[in-house]
Amino acid sequence: MTDHFAEHQSGLSSPATELHDVTPDDGADLPVFARGLSVTQSGTMTVTTVGGTVATIYVAAGSVFPVRVRRVWQTGTSATGIVGLV
């Protein structure tokens, strides 16, 4: 297999190169901070951004919410099937 982009640096506007299942947790940051989130079931998510802002957002199923996230809180999160894009 050939990766024509292997020699290129990924930027924040580049497609994600990794996907990580996210389990909401009130006491722990994500092991790898995400640069976007996607969900399989629409709902709210309470997140802490990389910059430290805590907010509750609505994410629609199948869309990518482009926000850099360090934590997804269990409290205030009703969306399910959360995936972090890295």
PDB file of N, CA and C in Angstrom:
ATOM      1  N   MET A   1       0.845  -1.174   0.000  1.00  0.00           N
ATOM      2  CA  MET A   1       0.000   0.000   0.000  1.00  0.00           C
ATOM      3  C   MET A   1       0.889   1.236   0.000  1.00  0.00           C
ATOM      4  N   THR A   2       0.392   2.270  -0.603  1.00  0.00           N
ATOM      5  CA  THR A   2       1.151   3.504  -0.715  1.00  0.00           C
ATOM      6  C   THR A   2       0.401   4.646  -0.054  1.00  0.00           C
ATOM      7  N   ASP A   3       1.095   5.395   0.761  1.00  0.00           N
ATOM      8  CA  ASP A   3       0.539   6.610   1.354  1.00  0.00           C
ATOM      9  C   ASP A   3       1.249   7.786   0.711  1.00  0.00           C
ATOM     10  N   HIS A   4       0.590   8.434  -0.232  1.00  0.00           N
ATOM     11  CA  HIS A   4       1.188   9.542  -0.958  1.00  0.00           C
ATOM     12  C   HIS A   4       1.434  10.764  -0.068  1.00  0.00           C
ATOM     13  N   PHE A   5       0.876  10.773   1.118  1.00  0.00           N
ATOM     14  CA  PHE A   5       1.000  11.928   2.000  1.00  0.00           C
ATOM     15  C   PHE A   5       1.891  11.653   3.213  1.00  0.00           C
ATOM     16  N   ALA A   6       2.574  10.541   3.229  1.00  0.00           N
ATOM     17  CA  ALA A   6       3.401  10.151   4.371  1.00  0.00           C
ATOM     18  C   ALA A   6       4.494  11.167   4.683  1.00  0.00           C
ATOM     19  N   GLU A   7       4.970  11.868   3.688  1.00  0.00           N
ATOM     20  CA  GLU A   7       6.050  12.840   3.880  1.00  0.00           C
ATOM     21  C   GLU A   7       5.532  14.240   4.206  1.00  0.00           C
ATOM     22  N   HIS A   8       4.225  14.404   4.330  1.00  0.00           N
ATOM     23  CA  HIS A   8       3.629  15.714   4.591  1.00  0.00           C
ATOM     24  C   HIS A   8       3.239  15.848   6.057  1.00  0.00           C
ATOM     25  N   GLN A   9       3.432  17.025   6.596  1.00  0.00           N
ATOM     26  CA  GLN A   9       3.027  17.334   7.971  1.00  0.00           C
ATOM     27  C   GLN A   9       1.514  17.512   8.021  1.00  0.00           C
ATOM     28  N   SER A  10       0.855  16.885   8.989  1.00  0.00           N
ATOM     29  CA  SER A  10      -0.583  17.089   9.177  1.00  0.00           C
ATOM     30  C   SER A  10      -0.813  18.381   9.928  1.00  0.00           C
ATOM     31  N   GLY A  11      -1.804  19.146   9.498  1.00  0.00           N
ATOM     32  CA  GLY A  11      -2.193  20.381  10.172  1.00  0.00           C
ATOM     33  C   GLY A  11      -3.597  20.249  10.725  1.00  0.00           C
ATOM     34  N   LEU A  12      -4.071  21.280  11.409  1.00  0.00           N
ATOM     35  CA  LEU A  12      -5.409  21.225  11.993  1.00  0.00           C
ATOM     36  C   LEU A  12      -6.509  21.177  10.946  1.00  0.00           C
ATOM     37  N   SER A  13      -6.222  21.617   9.725  1.00  0.00           N
ATOM     38  CA  SER A  13      -7.239  21.547   8.673  1.00  0.00           C
ATOM     39  C   SER A  13      -7.128  20.263   7.855  1.00  0.00           C
ATOM     40  N   SER A  14      -6.155  19.431   8.172  1.00  0.00           N
ATOM     41  CA  SER A  14      -5.981  18.149   7.484  1.00  0.00           C
ATOM     42  C   SER A  14      -6.993  17.135   8.018  1.00  0.00           C
ATOM     43  N   PRO A  15      -7.296  16.112   7.237  1.00  0.00           N
ATOM     44  CA  PRO A  15      -8.161  15.053   7.750  1.00  0.00           C
ATOM     45  C   PRO A  15      -7.513  14.372   8.959  1.00  0.00           C
ATOM     46  N   ALA A  16      -8.342  13.825   9.812  1.00  0.00           N
ATOM     47  CA  ALA A  16      -7.833  13.110  10.983  1.00  0.00           C
ATOM     48  C   ALA A  16      -7.016  11.905  10.534  1.00  0.00           C
ATOM     49  N   THR A  17      -5.991  11.585  11.310  1.00  0.00           N
ATOM     50  CA  THR A  17      -5.177  10.411  11.011  1.00  0.00           C
ATOM     51  C   THR A  17      -5.423   9.285  12.008  1.00  0.00           C
ATOM     52  N   GLU A  18      -6.126   9.595  13.101  1.00  0.00           N
ATOM     53  CA  GLU A  18      -6.458   8.589  14.108  1.00  0.00           C
ATOM     54  C   GLU A  18      -7.880   8.828  14.607  1.00  0.00           C
ATOM     55  N   LEU A  19      -8.538   7.749  15.023  1.00  0.00           N
ATOM     56  CA  LEU A  19      -9.866   7.816  15.632  1.00  0.00           C
ATOM     57  C   LEU A  19      -9.802   7.094  16.965  1.00  0.00           C
ATOM     58  N   HIS A  20     -10.374   7.713  18.002  1.00  0.00           N
ATOM     59  CA  HIS A  20     -10.346   7.128  19.335  1.00  0.00           C
ATOM     60  C   HIS A  20     -11.752   7.117  19.929  1.00  0.00           C
ATOM     61  N   ASP A  21     -12.210   5.951  20.388  1.00  0.00           N
ATOM     62  CA  ASP A  21     -13.476   5.902  21.113  1.00  0.00           C
ATOM     63  C   ASP A  21     -13.330   6.723  22.384  1.00  0.00           C
ATOM     64  N   VAL A  22     -14.375   7.476  22.705  1.00  0.00           N
ATOM     65  CA  VAL A  22     -14.351   8.348  23.886  1.00  0.00           C
ATOM     66  C   VAL A  22     -15.382   7.865  24.887  1.00  0.00           C
ATOM     67  N   THR A  23     -14.943   7.633  26.111  1.00  0.00           N
ATOM     68  CA  THR A  23     -15.839   7.320  27.215  1.00  0.00           C
ATOM     69  C   THR A  23     -15.901   8.562  28.103  1.00  0.00           C
ATOM     70  N   PRO A  24     -17.071   9.195  28.182  1.00  0.00           N
ATOM     71  CA  PRO A  24     -17.181  10.390  29.027  1.00  0.00           C
ATOM     72  C   PRO A  24     -16.769  10.089  30.462  1.00  0.00           C
ATOM     73  N   ASP A  25     -16.035  11.016  31.068  1.00  0.00           N
ATOM     74  CA  ASP A  25     -15.488  10.818  32.410  1.00  0.00           C
ATOM     75  C   ASP A  25     -15.356  12.176  33.088  1.00  0.00           C
ATOM     76  N   ASP A  26     -15.985  12.319  34.253  1.00  0.00           N
ATOM     77  CA  ASP A  26     -15.924  13.582  34.986  1.00  0.00           C
ATOM     78  C   ASP A  26     -14.565  13.821  35.642  1.00  0.00           C
ATOM     79  N   GLY A  27     -13.732  12.779  35.769  1.00  0.00           N
ATOM     80  CA  GLY A  27     -12.494  12.918  36.516  1.00  0.00           C
ATOM     81  C   GLY A  27     -11.207  12.793  35.738  1.00  0.00           C
ATOM     82  N   ALA A  28     -11.292  12.587  34.410  1.00  0.00           N
ATOM     83  CA  ALA A  28     -10.053  12.365  33.657  1.00  0.00           C
ATOM     84  C   ALA A  28     -10.130  12.982  32.268  1.00  0.00           C
ATOM     85  N   ASP A  29      -9.001  13.553  31.858  1.00  0.00           N
ATOM     86  CA  ASP A  29      -8.872  14.055  30.493  1.00  0.00           C
ATOM     87  C   ASP A  29      -8.721  12.881  29.533  1.00  0.00           C
ATOM     88  N   LEU A  30      -8.944  13.143  28.251  1.00  0.00           N
ATOM     89  CA  LEU A  30      -8.723  12.134  27.222  1.00  0.00           C
ATOM     90  C   LEU A  30      -7.243  11.791  27.160  1.00  0.00           C
ATOM     91  N   PRO A  31      -6.890  10.546  26.883  1.00  0.00           N
ATOM     92  CA  PRO A  31      -5.477  10.189  26.784  1.00  0.00           C
ATOM     93  C   PRO A  31      -4.789  10.903  25.615  1.00  0.00           C
ATOM     94  N   VAL A  32      -5.550  11.194  24.569  1.00  0.00           N
ATOM     95  CA  VAL A  32      -5.069  11.957  23.419  1.00  0.00           C
ATOM     96  C   VAL A  32      -6.105  13.034  23.144  1.00  0.00           C
ATOM     97  N   PHE A  33      -5.701  14.309  23.221  1.00  0.00           N
ATOM     98  CA  PHE A  33      -6.647  15.396  22.982  1.00  0.00           C
ATOM     99  C   PHE A  33      -7.141  15.330  21.539  1.00  0.00           C
ATOM    100  N   ALA A  34      -8.442  15.552  21.352  1.00  0.00           N
ATOM    101  CA  ALA A  34      -9.062  15.456  20.031  1.00  0.00           C
ATOM    102  C   ALA A  34      -9.123  16.822  19.357  1.00  0.00           C
ATOM    103  N   ARG A  35      -9.146  16.808  18.028  1.00  0.00           N
ATOM    104  CA  ARG A  35      -9.337  18.060  17.291  1.00  0.00           C
ATOM    105  C   ARG A  35     -10.709  18.136  16.657  1.00  0.00           C
ATOM    106  N   GLY A  36     -11.518  17.163  16.972  1.00  0.00           N
ATOM    107  CA  GLY A  36     -12.901  17.135  16.529  1.00  0.00           C
ATOM    108  C   GLY A  36     -13.592  15.947  17.170  1.00  0.00           C
ATOM    109  N   LEU A  37     -14.929  16.013  17.218  1.00  0.00           N
ATOM    110  CA  LEU A  37     -15.721  14.930  17.790  1.00  0.00           C
ATOM    111  C   LEU A  37     -16.838  14.558  16.830  1.00  0.00           C
ATOM    112  N   SER A  38     -17.175  13.287  16.822  1.00  0.00           N
ATOM    113  CA  SER A  38     -18.305  12.790  16.056  1.00  0.00           C
ATOM    114  C   SER A  38     -19.086  11.841  16.965  1.00  0.00           C
ATOM    115  N   VAL A  39     -20.396  11.741  16.724  1.00  0.00           N
ATOM    116  CA  VAL A  39     -21.238  10.862  17.541  1.00  0.00           C
ATOM    117  C   VAL A  39     -22.145  10.038  16.641  1.00  0.00           C
ATOM    118  N   THR A  40     -22.568   8.873  17.134  1.00  0.00           N
ATOM    119  CA  THR A  40     -23.523   8.062  16.376  1.00  0.00           C
ATOM    120  C   THR A  40     -24.956   8.361  16.791  1.00  0.00           C
ATOM    121  N   GLN A  41     -25.147   8.881  18.011  1.00  0.00           N
ATOM    122  CA  GLN A  41     -26.468   9.248  18.519  1.00  0.00           C
ATOM    123  C   GLN A  41     -26.423  10.717  18.928  1.00  0.00           C
ATOM    124  N   SER A  42     -27.232  11.547  18.273  1.00  0.00           N
ATOM    125  CA  SER A  42     -27.257  12.982  18.567  1.00  0.00           C
ATOM    126  C   SER A  42     -27.520  13.242  20.042  1.00  0.00           C
ATOM    127  N   GLY A  43     -26.999  14.348  20.526  1.00  0.00           N
ATOM    128  CA  GLY A  43     -27.245  14.747  21.903  1.00  0.00           C
ATOM    129  C   GLY A  43     -26.284  15.824  22.347  1.00  0.00           C
ATOM    130  N   THR A  44     -26.302  16.065  23.634  1.00  0.00           N
ATOM    131  CA  THR A  44     -25.415  17.078  24.198  1.00  0.00           C
ATOM    132  C   THR A  44     -24.131  16.436  24.693  1.00  0.00           C
ATOM    133  N   MET A  45     -23.091  17.250  24.741  1.00  0.00           N
ATOM    134  CA  MET A  45     -21.827  16.836  25.342  1.00  0.00           C
ATOM    135  C   MET A  45     -21.298  18.013  26.145  1.00  0.00           C
ATOM    136  N   THR A  46     -20.906  17.734  27.363  1.00  0.00           N
ATOM    137  CA  THR A  46     -20.199  18.741  28.141  1.00  0.00           C
ATOM    138  C   THR A  46     -18.724  18.450  27.964  1.00  0.00           C
ATOM    139  N   VAL A  47     -17.988  19.454  27.497  1.00  0.00           N
ATOM    140  CA  VAL A  47     -16.584  19.274  27.165  1.00  0.00           C
ATOM    141  C   VAL A  47     -15.728  20.347  27.826  1.00  0.00           C
ATOM    142  N   THR A  48     -14.458  20.019  27.985  1.00  0.00           N
ATOM    143  CA  THR A  48     -13.439  21.007  28.316  1.00  0.00           C
ATOM    144  C   THR A  48     -12.538  21.109  27.103  1.00  0.00           C
ATOM    145  N   THR A  49     -12.390  22.325  26.577  1.00  0.00           N
ATOM    146  CA  THR A  49     -11.544  22.529  25.410  1.00  0.00           C
ATOM    147  C   THR A  49     -10.076  22.506  25.815  1.00  0.00           C
ATOM    148  N   VAL A  50      -9.200  22.404  24.843  1.00  0.00           N
ATOM    149  CA  VAL A  50      -7.769  22.454  25.092  1.00  0.00           C
ATOM    150  C   VAL A  50      -7.408  23.775  25.778  1.00  0.00           C
ATOM    151  N   GLY A  51      -8.146  24.836  25.474  1.00  0.00           N
ATOM    152  CA  GLY A  51      -7.906  26.140  26.088  1.00  0.00           C
ATOM    153  C   GLY A  51      -8.469  26.287  27.491  1.00  0.00           C
ATOM    154  N   GLY A  52      -9.246  25.293  27.966  1.00  0.00           N
ATOM    155  CA  GLY A  52      -9.749  25.307  29.333  1.00  0.00           C
ATOM    156  C   GLY A  52     -11.198  25.717  29.508  1.00  0.00           C
ATOM    157  N   THR A  53     -11.902  26.047  28.430  1.00  0.00           N
ATOM    158  CA  THR A  53     -13.302  26.427  28.510  1.00  0.00           C
ATOM    159  C   THR A  53     -14.171  25.186  28.705  1.00  0.00           C
ATOM    160  N   VAL A  54     -15.122  25.260  29.626  1.00  0.00           N
ATOM    161  CA  VAL A  54     -16.091  24.180  29.830  1.00  0.00           C
ATOM    162  C   VAL A  54     -17.438  24.660  29.291  1.00  0.00           C
ATOM    163  N   ALA A  55     -18.051  23.843  28.422  1.00  0.00           N
ATOM    164  CA  ALA A  55     -19.331  24.221  27.831  1.00  0.00           C
ATOM    165  C   ALA A  55     -20.101  22.964  27.457  1.00  0.00           C
ATOM    166  N   THR A  56     -21.402  23.117  27.362  1.00  0.00           N
ATOM    167  CA  THR A  56     -22.261  22.039  26.878  1.00  0.00           C
ATOM    168  C   THR A  56     -22.663  22.388  25.453  1.00  0.00           C
ATOM    169  N   ILE A  57     -22.418  21.444  24.542  1.00  0.00           N
ATOM    170  CA  ILE A  57     -22.693  21.654  23.126  1.00  0.00           C
ATOM    171  C   ILE A  57     -23.634  20.564  22.632  1.00  0.00           C
ATOM    172  N   TYR A  58     -24.312  20.833  21.527  1.00  0.00           N
ATOM    173  CA  TYR A  58     -25.149  19.835  20.876  1.00  0.00           C
ATOM    174  C   TYR A  58     -24.411  19.344  19.643  1.00  0.00           C
ATOM    175  N   VAL A  59     -24.353  18.023  19.473  1.00  0.00           N
ATOM    176  CA  VAL A  59     -23.700  17.437  18.303  1.00  0.00           C
ATOM    177  C   VAL A  59     -24.696  16.505  17.613  1.00  0.00           C
ATOM    178  N   ALA A  60     -24.863  16.707  16.311  1.00  0.00           N
ATOM    179  CA  ALA A  60     -25.775  15.875  15.528  1.00  0.00           C
ATOM    180  C   ALA A  60     -25.048  14.612  15.059  1.00  0.00           C
ATOM    181  N   ALA A  61     -25.778  13.516  15.043  1.00  0.00           N
ATOM    182  CA  ALA A  61     -25.210  12.233  14.611  1.00  0.00           C
ATOM    183  C   ALA A  61     -24.654  12.344  13.204  1.00  0.00           C
ATOM    184  N   GLY A  62     -23.447  11.805  13.017  1.00  0.00           N
ATOM    185  CA  GLY A  62     -22.839  11.748  11.702  1.00  0.00           C
ATOM    186  C   GLY A  62     -22.078  12.989  11.282  1.00  0.00           C
ATOM    187  N   SER A  63     -22.159  14.043  12.072  1.00  0.00           N
ATOM    188  CA  SER A  63     -21.409  15.254  11.725  1.00  0.00           C
ATOM    189  C   SER A  63     -20.159  15.338  12.593  1.00  0.00           C
ATOM    190  N   VAL A  64     -19.213  16.158  12.165  1.00  0.00           N
ATOM    191  CA  VAL A  64     -18.001  16.375  12.946  1.00  0.00           C
ATOM    192  C   VAL A  64     -18.095  17.744  13.584  1.00  0.00           C
ATOM    193  N   PHE A  65     -17.922  17.787  14.893  1.00  0.00           N
ATOM    194  CA  PHE A  65     -17.896  19.057  15.611  1.00  0.00           C
ATOM    195  C   PHE A  65     -16.427  19.441  15.758  1.00  0.00           C
ATOM    196  N   PRO A  66     -15.996  20.505  15.052  1.00  0.00           N
ATOM    197  CA  PRO A  66     -14.566  20.841  15.014  1.00  0.00           C
ATOM    198  C   PRO A  66     -14.125  21.683  16.206  1.00  0.00           C
ATOM    199  N   VAL A  67     -13.872  21.012  17.306  1.00  0.00           N
ATOM    200  CA  VAL A  67     -13.393  21.713  18.499  1.00  0.00           C
ATOM    201  C   VAL A  67     -12.296  20.863  19.136  1.00  0.00           C
ATOM    202  N   ARG A  68     -11.227  21.511  19.584  1.00  0.00           N
ATOM    203  CA  ARG A  68     -10.134  20.773  20.229  1.00  0.00           C
ATOM    204  C   ARG A  68     -10.525  20.524  21.679  1.00  0.00           C
ATOM    205  N   VAL A  69     -10.607  19.251  22.052  1.00  0.00           N
ATOM    206  CA  VAL A  69     -11.173  18.842  23.339  1.00  0.00           C
ATOM    207  C   VAL A  69     -10.157  18.061  24.157  1.00  0.00           C
ATOM    208  N   ARG A  70     -10.103  18.381  25.452  1.00  0.00           N
ATOM    209  CA  ARG A  70      -9.244  17.630  26.376  1.00  0.00           C
ATOM    210  C   ARG A  70     -10.066  16.696  27.257  1.00  0.00           C
ATOM    211  N   ARG A  71     -11.362  17.012  27.500  1.00  0.00           N
ATOM    212  CA  ARG A  71     -12.203  16.153  28.341  1.00  0.00           C
ATOM    213  C   ARG A  71     -13.636  16.173  27.836  1.00  0.00           C
ATOM    214  N   VAL A  72     -14.280  15.002  27.854  1.00  0.00           N
ATOM    215  CA  VAL A  72     -15.719  14.890  27.647  1.00  0.00           C
ATOM    216  C   VAL A  72     -16.296  14.411  28.967  1.00  0.00           C
ATOM    217  N   TRP A  73     -17.144  15.237  29.560  1.00  0.00           N
ATOM    218  CA  TRP A  73     -17.707  14.956  30.882  1.00  0.00           C
ATOM    219  C   TRP A  73     -18.885  13.989  30.779  1.00  0.00           C
ATOM    220  N   GLN A  74     -18.998  13.109  31.762  1.00  0.00           N
ATOM    221  CA  GLN A  74     -20.161  12.222  31.828  1.00  0.00           C
ATOM    222  C   GLN A  74     -21.398  13.037  32.199  1.00  0.00           C
ATOM    223  N   THR A  75     -21.240  13.938  33.167  1.00  0.00           N
ATOM    224  CA  THR A  75     -22.334  14.810  33.583  1.00  0.00           C
ATOM    225  C   THR A  75     -22.635  15.786  32.443  1.00  0.00           C
ATOM    226  N   GLY A  76     -23.867  15.813  31.986  1.00  0.00           N
ATOM    227  CA  GLY A  76     -24.270  16.728  30.920  1.00  0.00           C
ATOM    228  C   GLY A  76     -24.109  16.157  29.523  1.00  0.00           C
ATOM    229  N   THR A  77     -23.675  14.910  29.419  1.00  0.00           N
ATOM    230  CA  THR A  77     -23.496  14.282  28.105  1.00  0.00           C
ATOM    231  C   THR A  77     -24.576  13.243  27.885  1.00  0.00           C
ATOM    232  N   SER A  78     -25.375  13.465  26.806  1.00  0.00           N
ATOM    233  CA  SER A  78     -26.400  12.492  26.433  1.00  0.00           C
ATOM    234  C   SER A  78     -26.095  11.826  25.084  1.00  0.00           C
ATOM    235  N   ALA A  79     -25.201  12.410  24.304  1.00  0.00           N
ATOM    236  CA  ALA A  79     -24.807  11.802  23.024  1.00  0.00           C
ATOM    237  C   ALA A  79     -24.064  10.495  23.298  1.00  0.00           C
ATOM    238  N   THR A  80     -24.184   9.559  22.380  1.00  0.00           N
ATOM    239  CA  THR A  80     -23.486   8.278  22.535  1.00  0.00           C
ATOM    240  C   THR A  80     -22.704   7.972  21.254  1.00  0.00           C
ATOM    241  N   GLY A  81     -21.840   6.969  21.360  1.00  0.00           N
ATOM    242  CA  GLY A  81     -21.007   6.595  20.225  1.00  0.00           C
ATOM    243  C   GLY A  81     -20.034   7.700  19.878  1.00  0.00           C
ATOM    244  N   ILE A  82     -19.400   8.267  20.897  1.00  0.00           N
ATOM    245  CA  ILE A  82     -18.513   9.415  20.703  1.00  0.00           C
ATOM    246  C   ILE A  82     -17.147   8.937  20.218  1.00  0.00           C
ATOM    247  N   VAL A  83     -16.659   9.598  19.188  1.00  0.00           N
ATOM    248  CA  VAL A  83     -15.344   9.293  18.623  1.00  0.00           C
ATOM    249  C   VAL A  83     -14.556  10.594  18.544  1.00  0.00           C
ATOM    250  N   GLY A  84     -13.317  10.560  19.051  1.00  0.00           N
ATOM    251  CA  GLY A  84     -12.420  11.697  18.945  1.00  0.00           C
ATOM    252  C   GLY A  84     -11.574  11.571  17.692  1.00  0.00           C
ATOM    253  N   LEU A  85     -11.498  12.641  16.927  1.00  0.00           N
ATOM    254  CA  LEU A  85     -10.678  12.672  15.716  1.00  0.00           C
ATOM    255  C   LEU A  85      -9.360  13.352  16.059  1.00  0.00           C
ATOM    256  N   VAL A  86      -8.261  12.684  15.749  1.00  0.00           N
ATOM    257  CA  VAL A  86      -6.940  13.198  16.091  1.00  0.00           C
ATOM    258  C   VAL A  86      -6.149  13.410  14.809  1.00  0.00           C
TER     259      VAL A  86
END
